[in-house]
Structure formats: structure tokens, C-alpha cells
Amino acid sequence: MLSIFLFLVHIVFSLYLFGVIWFVQVVHYPIFLYLNYDPAHNPFIFHQSRTGIAVMSAMAIELVSVVILMFIPYPNFFAVLILLIFTLLIWITTFMIQVPCYNVLKREKNENVIYRLIWTNWLRTALWTFKAIYIFFLLWNLLSDRLIVIC
């Protein structure tokens, strides 16, 4: 029962983050190009602190839930392993590529770094998108035998 609960928690937070990453990629990061930089009211510091609230806690729950699933019995170990790989790749790209860009932007507005942030974020967007597609595939397979057709 715990494994099903953790699987559902992982799915909910992964799909939430899938939606957030698309919003960030298409709307939020491009806005950085139009922001005025003011050291007293740095929009990049504001972004990073608020993103930490909305995203990092969800990413942590997403990671912890799938790691715990690796250590408790679950009907499909391979499915959980794939979810873990997607999650780890997202964390690696976040901290190896995105965070260094944020660190520069906290000090100064740099359009080259903003463009790098936008273009490299497509990798995370793709990873969460493929993960969401995989989750929908898993859900379809889990539910296909149990779907009730109402005529």
C-alpha cells in the first residue's frame, strides 16, 4: 500500500513540475531579457527565492518518493528505475547548468547568460516532457484492464 501511495505522490509532483517547466520555459525565462537590473531590487534574486518555494520543494518530494520506491517492493522495478533515471538527470542538469546561470544573474544582468539559461533549459523541459509521456504510458497500462466503459 505504501508503494502505491509513493508512486502516486511521485506522479502528482512530476506532472506538476512538467507544467511548471513549460510555463518557465515559454513565459518566465524569456521575460528575463526585458527586466531592468537594479542591485537594490534584483529580479533574479527574487526569482530564485520564489522558485525555491514553488519548485525545489516539489523536486525534493519527487526525488525522495522515487528513491524510497527503489527500496520497497513495487510490482514493476524497471518502471521505477526509469522514473529515477529521469529524476536524476533533471537534478544533474538543474545543478550543473541552471544554478550556475542563476549565480551570475544574481550579480549582474547578462544577456548571454539569460540566453544560455533559456536554451539549456530546453534539456530539462524535454526530460520532464518525456517523463510525463512515460508516466501517462504507465498509467494507461495500469488502468487499461480496469477501465469501465459506460454505455
Protein backbone atom coordinates (compact mmCIF):
# COMPACT_ATOMS: atom_id res chain seq x y z
CA MET A 1 0.00 0.00 0.00
CA LEU A 2 2.88 2.39 0.81
CA SER A 3 4.38 1.73 -2.61
CA ILE A 4 1.15 2.74 -4.37
CA PHE A 5 0.91 5.90 -2.26
CA LEU A 6 4.53 6.85 -3.03
CA PHE A 7 4.02 6.08 -6.71
CA LEU A 8 1.00 8.41 -6.79
CA VAL A 9 2.92 11.11 -4.89
CA HIS A 10 5.73 10.84 -7.41
CA ILE A 11 3.32 11.05 -10.34
CA VAL A 12 1.48 14.08 -8.95
CA PHE A 13 4.67 16.05 -8.28
CA SER A 14 6.27 15.03 -11.58
CA LEU A 15 3.24 16.18 -13.55
CA TYR A 16 3.07 19.41 -11.53
CA LEU A 17 6.73 20.08 -12.38
CA PHE A 18 6.07 19.20 -16.02
CA GLY A 19 3.51 22.01 -16.14
CA VAL A 20 5.75 24.44 -14.27
CA ILE A 21 8.76 23.82 -16.52
CA TRP A 22 6.75 24.58 -19.65
CA PHE A 23 5.48 27.85 -18.14
CA VAL A 24 9.00 28.80 -17.07
CA GLN A 25 10.46 27.89 -20.45
CA VAL A 26 7.91 29.63 -22.64
CA VAL A 27 6.97 32.65 -20.49
CA HIS A 28 9.13 33.21 -17.45
CA TYR A 29 12.73 32.87 -18.66
CA PRO A 30 12.18 34.98 -21.81
CA ILE A 31 10.86 37.79 -19.58
CA PHE A 32 14.36 37.99 -18.05
CA LEU A 33 15.53 39.69 -21.26
CA TYR A 34 13.15 42.61 -20.63
CA LEU A 35 13.78 43.13 -16.91
CA ASN A 36 15.73 46.08 -15.65
CA TYR A 37 18.54 45.18 -13.32
CA ASP A 38 18.63 47.13 -10.09
CA PRO A 39 21.03 45.89 -7.38
CA ALA A 40 18.66 47.11 -4.69
CA HIS A 41 15.71 45.18 -6.20
CA ASN A 42 17.32 42.36 -8.14
CA PRO A 43 14.62 40.45 -10.06
CA PHE A 44 16.88 37.41 -10.44
CA ILE A 45 17.32 37.05 -6.67
CA PHE A 46 13.55 37.42 -6.30
CA HIS A 47 13.01 34.75 -8.97
CA GLN A 48 15.43 32.32 -7.35
CA SER A 49 13.97 32.70 -3.86
CA ARG A 50 10.36 32.30 -5.02
CA THR A 51 11.23 29.47 -7.37
CA GLY A 52 12.81 27.70 -4.44
CA ILE A 53 9.45 27.73 -2.70
CA ALA A 54 7.40 26.61 -5.70
CA VAL A 55 9.82 24.22 -7.38
CA MET A 56 12.59 22.97 -5.12
CA SER A 57 10.24 21.52 -2.52
CA ALA A 58 8.30 19.71 -5.27
CA MET A 59 11.55 18.47 -6.83
CA ALA A 60 12.68 17.18 -3.43
CA ILE A 61 9.41 15.30 -2.91
CA GLU A 62 9.67 13.93 -6.45
CA LEU A 63 13.22 12.69 -5.77
CA VAL A 64 12.60 11.28 -2.29
CA SER A 65 9.45 9.43 -3.35
CA VAL A 66 11.18 7.64 -6.24
CA VAL A 67 14.30 6.84 -4.20
CA ILE A 68 12.16 5.25 -1.47
CA LEU A 69 10.28 3.30 -4.16
CA MET A 70 13.60 1.79 -5.22
CA PHE A 71 13.99 0.20 -1.78
CA ILE A 72 10.50 -1.13 -1.12
CA PRO A 73 8.67 -3.83 -3.07
CA TYR A 74 6.88 -2.46 -6.09
CA PRO A 75 5.30 -4.51 -8.87
CA ASN A 76 7.47 -3.03 -11.62
CA PHE A 77 11.05 -2.30 -10.55
CA PHE A 78 12.05 -1.40 -14.13
CA ALA A 79 9.38 1.33 -14.33
CA VAL A 80 10.60 2.86 -11.07
CA LEU A 81 14.20 2.67 -12.29
CA ILE A 82 13.29 4.65 -15.43
CA LEU A 83 11.50 7.27 -13.31
CA LEU A 84 14.57 7.50 -11.09
CA ILE A 85 16.87 7.98 -14.09
CA PHE A 86 14.68 10.80 -15.44
CA THR A 87 14.61 12.42 -12.00
CA LEU A 88 18.37 12.19 -11.50
CA LEU A 89 19.05 13.63 -14.97
CA ILE A 90 16.77 16.56 -14.18
CA TRP A 91 18.59 17.19 -10.89
CA ILE A 92 22.00 16.96 -12.56
CA THR A 93 21.08 19.43 -15.30
CA THR A 94 19.49 21.76 -12.74
CA PHE A 95 22.55 21.97 -10.54
CA MET A 96 25.26 21.66 -13.19
CA ILE A 97 23.78 24.03 -15.79
CA GLN A 98 20.90 26.17 -14.47
CA VAL A 99 22.18 27.06 -10.99
CA PRO A 100 25.50 28.47 -12.29
CA CYS A 101 23.50 30.73 -14.62
CA TYR A 102 21.41 31.94 -11.68
CA ASN A 103 24.57 32.66 -9.71
CA VAL A 104 25.82 35.00 -12.44
CA LEU A 105 22.43 36.69 -12.76
CA LYS A 106 22.29 37.36 -9.03
CA ARG A 107 25.34 39.60 -9.51
CA GLU A 108 24.52 41.22 -12.85
CA LYS A 109 22.16 41.17 -15.79
CA ASN A 110 23.97 39.33 -18.56
CA GLU A 111 22.02 38.69 -21.75
CA ASN A 112 24.38 35.92 -22.86
CA VAL A 113 23.73 34.08 -19.59
CA ILE A 114 19.98 34.62 -19.96
CA TYR A 115 20.10 33.13 -23.46
CA ARG A 116 22.17 30.24 -22.10
CA LEU A 117 19.58 29.75 -19.35
CA ILE A 118 16.77 29.68 -21.91
CA TRP A 119 18.50 27.34 -24.36
CA THR A 120 19.89 24.91 -21.79
CA ASN A 121 16.54 24.77 -20.01
CA TRP A 122 15.14 23.03 -23.08
CA LEU A 123 17.01 19.96 -21.83
CA ARG A 124 15.09 19.97 -18.54
CA THR A 125 11.87 20.74 -20.39
CA ALA A 126 12.47 17.75 -22.67
CA LEU A 127 13.33 15.46 -19.74
CA TRP A 128 10.16 16.37 -17.82
CA THR A 129 8.13 16.06 -21.04
CA PHE A 130 9.47 12.59 -21.81
CA LYS A 131 8.95 11.65 -18.18
CA ALA A 132 5.32 12.85 -18.34
CA ILE A 133 4.75 10.85 -21.52
CA TYR A 134 6.24 7.79 -19.80
CA ILE A 135 4.01 8.36 -16.76
CA PHE A 136 0.92 8.54 -18.98
CA PHE A 137 2.07 5.32 -20.66
CA LEU A 138 2.44 3.65 -17.24
CA LEU A 139 -0.95 4.90 -16.10
CA TRP A 140 -2.59 3.72 -19.30
CA ASN A 141 -1.10 0.25 -18.84
CA LEU A 142 -2.09 0.13 -15.17
CA LEU A 143 -5.65 1.25 -15.83
CA SER A 144 -6.37 -0.35 -19.21
CA ASP A 145 -7.51 -3.61 -17.67
CA ARG A 146 -9.60 -1.80 -15.09
CA LEU A 147 -11.31 0.81 -17.26
CA ILE A 148 -15.07 0.69 -17.06
CA VAL A 149 -16.93 1.58 -20.20
CA ILE A 150 -20.28 3.17 -19.54
CA CYS A 151 -22.72 2.87 -22.43
